[in-house]
Each structure stands twice: as structure tokens, then as C-alpha cells.
Protein backbone atom coordinates (compact mmCIF):
# COMPACT_ATOMS: atom_id res chain seq x y z
CA MET A 1 74.76 97.68 -25.67
CA THR A 2 73.51 100.45 -23.27
CA ASN A 3 75.62 102.33 -21.02
CA SER A 4 74.37 100.75 -17.87
CA GLU A 5 75.17 97.28 -19.25
CA SER A 6 78.75 98.25 -19.98
CA ALA A 7 79.45 99.89 -16.87
CA PRO A 8 80.75 96.81 -14.98
CA ALA A 9 83.09 96.22 -17.94
CA TYR A 10 84.61 99.77 -17.68
CA VAL A 11 84.94 99.57 -13.84
CA PHE A 12 86.71 96.20 -14.13
CA ALA A 13 89.01 97.37 -16.77
CA SER A 14 90.03 100.64 -14.95
CA VAL A 15 90.49 98.80 -11.80
CA LEU A 16 92.50 95.99 -13.44
CA SER A 17 94.74 98.44 -15.28
CA LEU A 18 95.35 100.65 -12.03
CA THR A 19 96.16 97.65 -10.28
CA ILE A 20 98.86 96.43 -12.93
CA VAL A 21 100.37 99.95 -13.17
CA ILE A 22 100.86 100.21 -9.37
CA TYR A 23 102.28 96.77 -9.19
CA VAL A 24 104.77 97.34 -11.87
CA LEU A 25 105.72 100.77 -10.64
CA ARG A 26 106.24 99.54 -7.23
CA GLY A 27 108.08 96.53 -8.48
CA LEU A 28 110.44 98.93 -10.09
CA GLY A 29 111.06 101.04 -7.22
CA VAL A 30 109.36 104.17 -8.58
CA MET A 31 106.27 103.94 -6.20
CA GLY A 32 108.03 101.90 -3.34
CA PHE A 33 106.34 104.37 -0.64
CA ILE A 34 102.98 102.65 -1.37
CA PRO A 35 102.34 100.07 1.45
CA GLY A 36 101.68 96.57 0.62
CA GLY A 37 98.16 96.62 2.17
CA THR A 38 97.12 99.18 -0.62
CA LEU A 39 98.28 96.73 -3.20
CA TRP A 40 96.36 93.73 -1.55
CA VAL A 41 93.20 96.25 -1.60
CA LEU A 42 93.60 96.73 -5.27
CA ILE A 43 94.05 93.18 -5.98
CA LEU A 44 90.97 92.16 -3.90
CA LEU A 45 89.00 94.84 -5.70
CA THR A 46 89.93 93.64 -8.95
CA ILE A 47 88.92 90.15 -8.07
CA GLY A 48 85.73 91.56 -6.72
CA SER A 49 84.71 93.49 -9.74
CA GLY A 50 85.69 90.79 -12.03
CA ILE A 51 83.43 88.33 -10.25
CA PHE A 52 80.66 91.07 -10.46
CA TYR A 53 81.31 91.68 -14.08
CA GLY A 54 81.01 87.89 -14.83
CA VAL A 55 78.04 87.33 -12.75
CA GLN A 56 76.27 90.47 -14.89
CA LYS A 57 77.47 89.10 -18.17
CA THR A 58 76.07 85.70 -17.62
CA ARG A 59 72.81 87.02 -16.29
CA ARG A 60 71.97 88.78 -19.56
């Protein structure tokens, strides 16, 4: 597997982990100052990158 083939996987994993961390910390009240719109953008970005990763994975 070359680096260009695993790039979508790294992007998906990093966006997913960032979204989970922000979601949990916001739920605990540690990062309550982050607006809900930002969380929605992260969730949509995670879904979009997951779809892109899935398409790239089945394409090869």
C-alpha cells in the first residue's frame, strides 16, 4: 500500500477522532464554549470523508 492509497484512511481517522474528542469534551462541559454549528460541521465532515474513503476503498 502506497502513501497516496492510505491518505483517505488517515484523513477519515483523524477527523473521526477529532469529532469524538470535541463531542465528549463539550458534553462534559470542558469545551462548552464551542458552538453547536462547529460540531455539526465536524460531524458532516466525518460523514463526507467516510464516504470518500469507502468509495476509494472499493474503487481499487
